[in-house]
Amino acid sequence: MSKLWGGRFSGGTDALMERFNASFPFDRRLYNEDIQGSIAYAGALERAGVITADEGALLRQGLEMVLAEFREGAFSPQASDEDIHTAVERRLSELIGPLAGKLHTGRSRNDQVATDLRLYLRGNLAERRQDLRRLQAAALALAERHTDVLMPGYTHLQRAQPVRFSHWLLSYFWAWERDISRLDDLQRRANVLPLGSGALAGTPLKLDRHALARELGFEGPCQNSMDGVRDRDFVVEALAWAALVSVHLSQLAEDLVVWSSNEVNFVRVADAYATGSSLMPQKRNPDSLELVRGKAGRIIGDLSGLLTVLKGLPSTYNKDLQEDKEALFDALDTLALAVPIVAGVIETLEVQPERMLAALDAAMLSTDVADYLVGKGIPFREAHALAGRAVQRAEELSCQISQLSLAEWQAISPLFGEDVTELFSWEASVNRRDSYGGTSLRALREQIREARERLMNRDSSEVKADAS
């Protein structure tokens, strides 16, 4: 088959240039979107009077045949298949003859590929949304089972204050909830139809682009044909979204990698998500989580790579834009593995409550000591300093702050009474943080209820996707 653009050329293309220019090896995965867009476009051409009803029916029949070949793995690519659009048109021509050439009337590969990519993204992100919901459900289920488990909360990797394990876990639930919210915003902006923009200047055909948009499930057509073929904001947004999701996964993975070490041993990662050493028989490595952590850098690289490609492009379509697909496919493919892996880790995670409790240090209740003095009328800054002196005195005596005698406490401040000993209860400490979003059991149960409502009140499109 001659090239779609070869009419004005007399010489052939260098073989190396053929390989350098070709995108079919990676954009072939857009076959469904490309063919569905072409089926809709055939109908638009028919309504515009460019082709007859019989020609439209034959084009659609032929396109369905090509689609079946791809789905059944029977499609046979040829060396001339520069991209998915060329491949589909070439095979359509073989099946129905010269009529296939009418399908491209008024259309450019510029608006065609932008349409394909938006269709692909719409479907793929719907799947990634379901993956995140499963991840949230796994976290919520584990949190509900361990509401009474207390552990050290950390800042700067130093033990800070006692918290509930469930409270820590749900901190990621809400990060993923924001990820879903950002995904929904992205979907809305991405759901705009470029088809009908032509190469850059629109089309002289009487195409009803609004009807075409409705048929393909878009909210409407793009308002400017030049912007329609140039715009890759939606790809950048998808990559930025994927990068942030991967950062959240990586942060969780880092916590669990540290906590699964023998020195900490707060959690145990199931065998299904761990590997061993080729040299050291005793090793049990949380490689699933380490890979999740490492692949975040890869996805961030996809984002920065595409931004670099886009930053110096002149108006409308340039072949540099061919670089958008591999970055997008890589990021979404990576998330398609990473999110379910993390969900699986959480679903099978073995929590070690005794180890968490043993790691609690009475010095972590120093803030409670300061709060106690505040209750006696001392300004917090002064109370903070007095509590710090208590910690220092316990260090000097090589004992826990909870083991200081009443005389030692009153030497620091006469406001300390015998009731100071009541401060040294882990359960009482976490329950004192009873404000909305706090660590108390009451606040945690409220948080779990809200999280459960978020999972249950899913939008209709998600429920429909689950049922299909």
Protein backbone atom coordinates (compact mmCIF):
# COMPACT_ATOMS: atom_id res chain seq x y z
CA MET A 1 0.00 0.00 0.00
CA SER A 2 1.35 3.45 -0.87
CA LYS A 3 1.88 5.88 1.96
CA LEU A 4 -1.02 8.12 2.96
CA TRP A 5 1.22 11.13 2.36
CA GLY A 6 3.38 9.92 -0.54
CA GLY A 7 1.87 11.72 -3.53
CA ARG A 8 4.38 14.54 -3.72
CA PHE A 9 7.44 12.32 -3.14
CA SER A 10 9.49 10.72 -5.88
CA GLY A 11 12.15 9.04 -3.77
CA GLY A 12 11.79 6.26 -1.22
CA THR A 13 12.26 6.52 2.52
CA ASP A 14 15.49 5.35 4.09
CA ALA A 15 15.00 2.00 5.87
CA LEU A 16 16.32 3.36 9.14
CA MET A 17 14.02 6.37 8.81
CA GLU A 18 11.10 3.96 8.32
CA ARG A 19 11.87 2.39 11.70
CA PHE A 20 12.53 5.75 13.36
CA ASN A 21 9.25 7.17 12.08
CA ALA A 22 7.00 4.18 12.74
CA SER A 23 4.73 4.16 15.78
CA PHE A 24 2.70 1.03 15.00
CA PRO A 25 4.73 -1.17 17.40
CA PHE A 26 3.34 0.82 20.35
CA ASP A 27 0.23 2.62 19.10
CA ARG A 28 -1.33 -0.59 17.80
CA ARG A 29 -2.97 -0.92 21.19
CA LEU A 30 -5.24 1.95 20.09
CA TYR A 31 -6.91 -0.27 17.49
CA ASN A 32 -10.27 -0.39 19.25
CA GLU A 33 -10.41 3.38 19.73
CA ASP A 34 -9.19 4.06 16.20
CA ILE A 35 -11.79 1.79 14.64
CA GLN A 36 -14.64 2.99 16.85
CA GLY A 37 -13.76 6.56 15.95
CA SER A 38 -13.70 5.63 12.26
CA ILE A 39 -17.08 3.91 12.49
CA ALA A 40 -18.56 7.05 13.99
CA TYR A 41 -16.79 9.22 11.42
CA ALA A 42 -18.25 7.13 8.58
CA GLY A 43 -21.69 7.93 9.95
CA ALA A 44 -20.81 11.64 10.09
CA LEU A 45 -19.64 11.55 6.45
CA GLU A 46 -22.90 9.87 5.49
CA ARG A 47 -24.99 12.49 7.30
CA ALA A 48 -22.95 15.22 5.60
CA GLY A 49 -23.74 13.73 2.18
CA VAL A 50 -20.10 12.88 1.41
CA ILE A 51 -20.86 9.17 1.05
CA THR A 52 -24.06 7.28 0.37
CA ALA A 53 -25.93 5.16 2.87
CA ASP A 54 -24.73 2.00 1.10
CA GLU A 55 -21.13 3.20 1.20
CA GLY A 56 -21.47 4.05 4.87
CA ALA A 57 -22.86 0.60 5.64
CA LEU A 58 -20.03 -1.09 3.72
CA LEU A 59 -17.38 1.02 5.48
CA ARG A 60 -18.81 0.15 8.87
CA GLN A 61 -19.05 -3.53 7.96
CA GLY A 62 -15.43 -3.56 6.83
CA LEU A 63 -14.26 -1.76 9.95
CA GLU A 64 -16.05 -4.28 12.14
CA MET A 65 -14.20 -7.03 10.26
CA VAL A 66 -10.84 -5.35 10.92
CA LEU A 67 -11.80 -4.90 14.57
CA ALA A 68 -12.61 -8.60 14.85
CA GLU A 69 -9.21 -9.50 13.42
CA PHE A 70 -7.44 -7.40 16.03
CA ARG A 71 -9.52 -8.79 18.88
CA GLU A 72 -8.97 -12.38 17.77
CA GLY A 73 -5.24 -11.86 17.25
CA ALA A 74 -5.62 -12.58 13.53
CA PHE A 75 -4.54 -9.17 12.23
CA SER A 76 -1.38 -9.49 10.14
CA PRO A 77 0.72 -6.29 10.16
CA GLN A 78 2.72 -5.27 7.12
CA ALA A 79 6.00 -3.40 6.83
CA SER A 80 4.10 -0.44 5.38
CA ASP A 81 1.99 -0.04 8.54
CA GLU A 82 3.48 3.22 9.74
CA ASP A 83 0.93 3.62 12.54
CA ILE A 84 -2.38 2.20 13.69
CA HIS A 85 -4.32 4.51 11.34
CA THR A 86 -2.35 3.36 8.31
CA ALA A 87 -2.69 -0.28 9.33
CA VAL A 88 -6.46 -0.09 9.72
CA GLU A 89 -6.96 1.76 6.44
CA ARG A 90 -4.66 -0.62 4.60
CA ARG A 91 -6.54 -3.67 5.85
CA LEU A 92 -9.91 -2.01 5.21
CA SER A 93 -8.85 -1.38 1.62
CA GLU A 94 -7.91 -5.04 1.21
CA LEU A 95 -11.34 -6.07 2.48
CA ILE A 96 -13.68 -3.63 0.69
CA GLY A 97 -11.57 -2.08 -2.05
CA PRO A 98 -11.10 1.59 -3.08
CA LEU A 99 -14.10 2.74 -1.05
CA ALA A 100 -11.82 2.60 1.98
CA GLY A 101 -10.06 5.70 0.65
CA LYS A 102 -13.21 7.78 1.17
CA LEU A 103 -13.07 7.26 4.93
CA HIS A 104 -10.26 9.76 5.37
CA THR A 105 -12.12 12.56 3.63
CA GLY A 106 -11.82 15.74 5.69
CA ARG A 107 -9.86 13.96 8.37
CA SER A 108 -6.18 14.09 9.32
CA ARG A 109 -4.14 11.70 11.37
CA ASN A 110 -3.58 14.75 13.57
CA ASP A 111 -7.16 14.94 14.80
CA GLN A 112 -7.57 11.18 14.51
CA VAL A 113 -4.75 10.29 16.91
CA ALA A 114 -5.81 12.96 19.40
CA THR A 115 -9.29 11.42 19.39
CA ASP A 116 -7.95 7.89 19.76
CA LEU A 117 -5.82 8.88 22.71
CA ARG A 118 -8.68 10.60 24.53
CA LEU A 119 -10.91 7.58 23.99
CA TYR A 120 -8.20 5.28 25.27
CA LEU A 121 -7.53 7.41 28.30
CA ARG A 122 -11.21 7.57 29.17
CA GLY A 123 -11.48 3.80 29.30
CA ASN A 124 -8.16 3.18 31.00
CA LEU A 125 -8.70 5.73 33.75
CA ALA A 126 -12.07 4.18 34.53
CA GLU A 127 -10.21 0.93 35.23
CA ARG A 128 -7.58 2.68 37.33
CA ARG A 129 -10.39 4.29 39.34
CA GLN A 130 -11.76 0.85 40.18
CA ASP A 131 -8.26 -0.29 41.22
CA LEU A 132 -8.01 2.64 43.63
CA ARG A 133 -11.43 1.84 45.08
CA ARG A 134 -10.30 -1.73 45.73
CA LEU A 135 -7.19 -0.37 47.42
CA GLN A 136 -9.28 1.91 49.61
CA ALA A 137 -11.59 -0.98 50.49
CA ALA A 138 -8.60 -3.11 51.51
CA ALA A 139 -7.23 -0.36 53.73
CA LEU A 140 -10.60 0.29 55.32
CA ALA A 141 -11.23 -3.40 56.03
CA LEU A 142 -7.82 -3.74 57.72
CA ALA A 143 -8.40 -0.56 59.71
CA GLU A 144 -11.78 -1.81 60.92
CA ARG A 145 -10.16 -5.02 62.21
CA HIS A 146 -7.49 -3.23 64.23
CA THR A 147 -9.12 -0.19 65.82
CA ASP A 148 -7.67 -1.05 69.25
CA VAL A 149 -4.06 -1.45 68.09
CA LEU A 150 -1.78 1.34 69.32
CA MET A 151 1.60 2.19 67.86
CA PRO A 152 4.17 4.98 67.76
CA GLY A 153 3.41 7.80 65.36
CA TYR A 154 6.50 9.23 63.72
CA THR A 155 7.83 12.54 62.49
CA HIS A 156 11.38 12.77 61.08
CA LEU A 157 11.46 8.96 61.56
CA GLN A 158 11.55 9.64 65.31
CA ARG A 159 8.89 8.40 67.69
CA ALA A 160 6.51 11.29 68.27
CA GLN A 161 3.10 10.50 69.81
CA PRO A 162 1.03 7.36 70.24
CA VAL A 163 -1.59 6.80 67.55
CA ARG A 164 -3.89 4.03 66.44
CA PHE A 165 -2.60 1.78 63.68
CA SER A 166 -5.95 2.25 61.93
CA HIS A 167 -5.52 6.01 62.04
CA TRP A 168 -2.16 5.69 60.26
CA LEU A 169 -3.64 3.38 57.63
CA LEU A 170 -6.61 5.63 56.94
CA SER A 171 -4.27 8.55 56.33
CA TYR A 172 -3.56 6.86 53.00
CA PHE A 173 -7.25 6.20 52.37
CA TRP A 174 -7.83 9.95 52.24
CA ALA A 175 -4.80 10.53 50.02
CA TRP A 176 -6.27 8.01 47.57
CA GLU A 177 -9.63 9.73 47.86
CA ARG A 178 -7.98 12.94 46.63
CA ASP A 179 -6.40 10.94 43.82
CA ILE A 180 -9.85 9.79 42.74
CA SER A 181 -11.17 13.34 42.92
CA ARG A 182 -8.31 14.54 40.71
CA LEU A 183 -8.98 11.69 38.30
CA ASP A 184 -12.61 12.74 37.97
CA ASP A 185 -11.55 16.32 37.23
CA LEU A 186 -9.07 15.08 34.65
CA GLN A 187 -11.69 12.90 32.97
CA ARG A 188 -13.97 15.88 32.53
CA ARG A 189 -11.30 17.99 30.82
CA ALA A 190 -10.08 15.10 28.69
CA ASN A 191 -13.56 14.23 27.43
CA VAL A 192 -13.51 16.72 24.54
CA LEU A 193 -13.60 15.68 20.85
CA PRO A 194 -10.80 16.83 18.51
CA LEU A 195 -12.16 14.92 15.49
CA GLY A 196 -13.25 17.34 12.79
CA SER A 197 -10.29 19.65 13.39
CA GLY A 198 -8.56 18.28 10.31
CA ALA A 199 -4.82 18.82 10.16
CA LEU A 200 -5.17 22.19 11.94
CA ALA A 201 -7.74 24.38 10.15
CA GLY A 202 -10.98 22.42 10.46
CA THR A 203 -12.87 20.90 7.53
CA PRO A 204 -14.95 22.27 4.64
CA LEU A 205 -17.36 19.35 5.06
CA LYS A 206 -20.74 19.93 6.67
CA LEU A 207 -19.89 17.68 9.60
CA ASP A 208 -22.07 17.88 12.68
CA ARG A 209 -19.26 17.74 15.23
CA HIS A 210 -21.67 18.02 18.14
CA ALA A 211 -23.54 14.94 16.98
CA LEU A 212 -20.24 13.14 16.41
CA ALA A 213 -19.16 14.04 19.93
CA ARG A 214 -22.37 12.67 21.40
CA GLU A 215 -22.04 9.44 19.44
CA LEU A 216 -18.53 8.88 20.81
CA GLY A 217 -19.51 9.80 24.35
CA PHE A 218 -17.70 13.16 24.52
CA GLU A 219 -19.14 16.16 26.29
CA GLY A 220 -18.62 18.21 23.14
CA PRO A 221 -16.15 19.10 20.39
CA CYS A 222 -13.09 21.27 20.93
CA GLN A 223 -13.73 24.94 20.26
CA ASN A 224 -10.57 25.61 18.24
CA SER A 225 -9.17 23.30 15.56
CA MET A 226 -5.56 24.38 16.11
CA ASP A 227 -5.83 23.72 19.82
CA GLY A 228 -7.60 20.45 19.07
CA VAL A 229 -4.62 18.89 17.30
CA ARG A 230 -1.92 20.45 19.51
CA ASP A 231 -3.46 19.93 22.95
CA ARG A 232 -1.77 17.27 25.05
CA ASP A 233 -2.71 18.85 28.37
CA PHE A 234 -4.87 15.83 29.07
CA VAL A 235 -1.86 13.52 28.69
CA VAL A 236 0.24 15.72 30.97
CA GLU A 237 -2.57 15.78 33.52
CA ALA A 238 -2.89 12.00 33.34
CA LEU A 239 0.84 11.61 33.87
CA ALA A 240 0.85 14.13 36.73
CA TRP A 241 -2.06 12.25 38.28
CA ALA A 242 -0.26 8.93 37.84
CA ALA A 243 2.92 10.41 39.32
CA LEU A 244 1.10 11.62 42.43
CA VAL A 245 -0.68 8.28 42.88
CA SER A 246 2.70 6.56 42.61
CA VAL A 247 4.16 8.94 45.21
CA HIS A 248 1.37 8.04 47.63
CA LEU A 249 1.96 4.34 46.98
CA SER A 250 5.68 4.83 47.46
CA GLN A 251 5.21 6.58 50.79
CA LEU A 252 3.05 3.72 52.06
CA ALA A 253 5.58 1.23 50.72
CA GLU A 254 8.41 2.99 52.55
CA ASP A 255 6.56 2.79 55.85
CA LEU A 256 5.86 -0.91 55.39
CA VAL A 257 9.40 -1.71 54.23
CA VAL A 258 10.80 -0.19 57.42
CA TRP A 259 8.12 -1.74 59.60
CA SER A 260 8.64 -5.22 58.17
CA SER A 261 12.34 -5.22 59.09
CA ASN A 262 13.45 -7.56 61.87
CA GLU A 263 14.49 -4.58 63.96
CA VAL A 264 10.99 -3.09 63.90
CA ASN A 265 8.72 -6.02 63.02
CA PHE A 266 5.45 -4.11 63.25
CA VAL A 267 4.04 -5.98 60.24
CA ARG A 268 4.75 -9.09 58.22
CA VAL A 269 4.31 -9.08 54.43
CA ALA A 270 2.71 -12.27 53.11
CA ASP A 271 4.81 -14.77 51.18
CA ALA A 272 2.79 -13.95 48.06
CA TYR A 273 4.35 -10.47 48.02
CA ALA A 274 7.85 -11.26 49.31
CA THR A 275 10.91 -12.87 47.74
CA GLY A 276 14.11 -14.48 48.97
CA SER A 277 17.81 -14.13 48.35
CA SER A 278 19.77 -16.16 45.83
CA LEU A 279 22.65 -16.35 48.32
CA MET A 280 21.26 -15.98 51.85
CA PRO A 281 18.66 -18.63 52.69
CA GLN A 282 17.26 -16.75 55.69
CA LYS A 283 16.28 -13.62 53.76
CA ARG A 284 12.67 -12.59 53.28
CA ASN A 285 12.49 -9.38 51.29
CA PRO A 286 9.45 -7.11 50.78
CA ASP A 287 10.32 -6.77 47.10
CA SER A 288 6.75 -5.96 46.08
CA LEU A 289 6.92 -2.76 48.12
CA GLU A 290 10.45 -1.93 47.04
CA LEU A 291 9.37 -2.19 43.40
CA VAL A 292 6.38 0.04 44.06
CA ARG A 293 8.75 2.55 45.60
CA GLY A 294 11.16 2.32 42.68
CA LYS A 295 8.54 2.55 39.95
CA ALA A 296 7.36 5.89 41.32
CA GLY A 297 10.59 7.35 39.93
CA ARG A 298 9.84 5.80 36.57
CA ILE A 299 6.38 7.37 36.37
CA ILE A 300 7.73 10.75 37.50
CA GLY A 301 10.24 10.39 34.67
CA ASP A 302 7.42 9.81 32.18
CA LEU A 303 5.85 13.09 33.27
CA SER A 304 9.04 15.14 33.16
CA GLY A 305 9.96 13.62 29.79
CA LEU A 306 6.72 14.65 28.11
CA LEU A 307 6.81 18.14 29.61
CA THR A 308 10.27 18.53 28.14
CA VAL A 309 9.00 17.42 24.74
CA LEU A 310 6.13 19.90 24.83
CA LYS A 311 7.86 22.97 26.16
CA GLY A 312 9.40 24.17 22.88
CA LEU A 313 6.87 23.05 20.29
CA PRO A 314 5.52 25.59 17.79
CA SER A 315 1.82 25.78 17.00
CA THR A 316 -0.41 22.82 16.14
CA TYR A 317 0.81 19.31 15.36
CA ASN A 318 4.48 18.34 15.30
CA LYS A 319 5.86 14.82 15.06
CA ASP A 320 7.40 15.27 18.51
CA LEU A 321 3.88 14.57 19.80
CA GLN A 322 4.36 10.94 18.83
CA GLU A 323 6.36 10.72 22.07
CA ASP A 324 3.23 11.18 24.18
CA LYS A 325 1.98 7.61 23.83
CA GLU A 326 4.84 5.54 25.17
CA ALA A 327 5.07 7.73 28.27
CA LEU A 328 1.33 7.50 28.86
CA PHE A 329 1.14 3.77 28.20
CA ASP A 330 4.11 3.11 30.46
CA ALA A 331 2.70 5.12 33.38
CA LEU A 332 -0.77 3.60 33.16
CA ASP A 333 0.58 0.07 32.65
CA THR A 334 2.80 0.49 35.69
CA LEU A 335 -0.10 1.70 37.83
CA ALA A 336 -2.26 -1.14 36.55
CA LEU A 337 0.19 -3.49 38.28
CA ALA A 338 1.28 -1.40 41.26
CA VAL A 339 -2.13 -0.46 42.68
CA PRO A 340 -3.49 -4.05 42.78
CA ILE A 341 -0.16 -5.24 44.20
CA VAL A 342 -0.42 -2.77 47.08
CA ALA A 343 -4.06 -3.76 47.60
CA GLY A 344 -2.94 -7.39 47.80
CA VAL A 345 -0.21 -6.53 50.31
CA ILE A 346 -2.73 -4.75 52.53
CA GLU A 347 -5.34 -7.52 52.21
CA THR A 348 -2.80 -10.12 53.39
CA LEU A 349 -0.76 -7.98 55.80
CA GLU A 350 -0.08 -9.52 59.21
CA VAL A 351 -0.16 -6.85 61.91
CA GLN A 352 1.98 -7.38 65.06
CA PRO A 353 0.16 -5.45 67.84
CA GLU A 354 2.52 -6.63 70.61
CA ARG A 355 5.57 -5.28 68.78
CA MET A 356 3.85 -1.96 68.18
CA LEU A 357 2.86 -1.66 71.83
CA ALA A 358 6.37 -2.56 72.99
CA ALA A 359 7.80 0.25 70.85
CA LEU A 360 5.83 2.90 72.72
CA ASP A 361 8.02 5.07 74.94
CA ALA A 362 6.74 7.06 77.91
CA ALA A 363 8.61 10.11 76.60
CA MET A 364 6.07 10.16 73.77
CA LEU A 365 3.55 11.41 76.36
CA SER A 366 5.55 14.59 76.99
CA THR A 367 2.97 16.61 75.08
CA ASP A 368 0.33 15.25 77.45
CA VAL A 369 2.48 16.55 80.31
CA ALA A 370 2.56 19.99 78.70
CA ASP A 371 -1.20 19.86 78.13
CA TYR A 372 -1.65 18.95 81.81
CA LEU A 373 0.16 22.15 82.82
CA VAL A 374 -1.85 24.18 80.32
CA GLY A 375 -4.90 22.93 82.15
CA LYS A 376 -3.40 24.46 85.28
CA GLY A 377 -3.19 27.86 83.60
CA ILE A 378 0.43 27.76 82.39
CA PRO A 379 1.08 29.23 78.88
CA PHE A 380 1.89 26.44 76.45
CA ARG A 381 5.42 27.67 75.66
CA GLU A 382 6.30 27.58 79.36
CA ALA A 383 4.54 24.25 79.79
CA HIS A 384 6.50 22.86 76.84
CA ALA A 385 9.79 23.87 78.49
CA LEU A 386 8.81 22.31 81.82
CA ALA A 387 7.81 19.05 80.12
CA GLY A 388 11.17 19.08 78.33
CA ARG A 389 12.91 19.43 81.72
CA ALA A 390 11.04 16.34 82.90
CA VAL A 391 12.30 14.39 79.90
CA GLN A 392 15.83 15.60 80.57
CA ARG A 393 15.59 14.64 84.25
CA ALA A 394 14.40 11.13 83.35
CA GLU A 395 17.39 10.77 81.04
CA GLU A 396 19.73 11.88 83.81
CA LEU A 397 18.22 9.27 86.14
CA SER A 398 18.21 6.59 83.39
CA CYS A 399 14.52 5.96 83.83
CA GLN A 400 11.28 6.52 81.99
CA ILE A 401 9.49 9.84 82.46
CA SER A 402 6.60 7.88 83.90
CA GLN A 403 8.94 6.60 86.68
CA LEU A 404 9.78 10.03 88.09
CA SER A 405 8.76 10.44 91.69
CA LEU A 406 6.26 13.07 92.77
CA ALA A 407 9.12 14.93 94.43
CA GLU A 408 10.97 15.08 91.10
CA TRP A 409 7.85 16.37 89.36
CA GLN A 410 7.24 19.04 91.98
CA ALA A 411 10.87 20.10 91.85
CA ILE A 412 10.21 20.93 88.20
CA SER A 413 6.89 22.68 88.99
CA PRO A 414 4.78 22.73 92.16
CA LEU A 415 1.70 22.54 89.91
CA PHE A 416 2.32 18.84 89.38
CA GLY A 417 0.08 16.80 91.64
CA GLU A 418 -0.37 13.13 92.35
CA ASP A 419 -2.69 12.91 89.36
CA VAL A 420 0.30 13.36 87.03
CA THR A 421 0.64 9.58 86.99
CA GLU A 422 -2.74 9.35 85.26
CA LEU A 423 -1.15 10.86 82.16
CA PHE A 424 0.87 7.73 81.44
CA SER A 425 -1.76 5.65 79.70
CA TRP A 426 -1.43 5.07 75.97
CA GLU A 427 -5.14 4.54 75.54
CA ALA A 428 -6.00 7.66 77.52
CA SER A 429 -3.51 9.68 75.48
CA VAL A 430 -4.92 8.73 72.09
CA ASN A 431 -8.47 9.16 73.35
CA ARG A 432 -7.71 12.68 74.54
CA ARG A 433 -7.21 13.60 70.85
CA ASP A 434 -10.95 13.53 70.36
CA SER A 435 -11.34 16.34 67.82
CA TYR A 436 -12.65 15.60 64.35
CA GLY A 437 -9.93 13.67 62.49
CA GLY A 438 -8.13 12.79 65.73
CA THR A 439 -6.91 9.51 67.20
CA SER A 440 -9.58 8.81 69.79
CA LEU A 441 -11.68 5.72 69.34
CA ARG A 442 -14.78 7.84 68.90
CA ALA A 443 -13.11 10.02 66.24
CA LEU A 444 -11.70 6.94 64.52
CA ARG A 445 -15.11 5.31 64.33
CA GLU A 446 -16.51 8.52 62.84
CA GLN A 447 -13.69 8.52 60.30
CA ILE A 448 -14.37 4.88 59.41
CA ARG A 449 -18.05 5.66 58.95
CA GLU A 450 -17.25 8.51 56.56
CA ALA A 451 -14.78 6.35 54.66
CA ARG A 452 -17.37 3.58 54.34
CA GLU A 453 -19.88 6.09 52.99
CA ARG A 454 -17.37 7.23 50.35
CA LEU A 455 -16.99 3.67 49.16
CA MET A 456 -20.71 2.96 49.16
CA ASN A 457 -21.81 6.20 47.47
CA ARG A 458 -20.04 5.52 44.23
CA ASP A 459 -21.11 7.24 41.06
CA SER A 460 -23.37 5.36 38.65
CA SER A 461 -20.73 4.99 35.97
CA GLU A 462 -18.46 3.14 38.39
CA VAL A 463 -21.25 0.84 39.52
CA LYS A 464 -22.07 0.15 35.87
CA ALA A 465 -18.43 -0.66 35.17
CA ASP A 466 -18.38 -3.08 38.12
CA ALA A 467 -21.50 -4.85 36.82
CA SER A 468 -20.19 -5.28 33.27
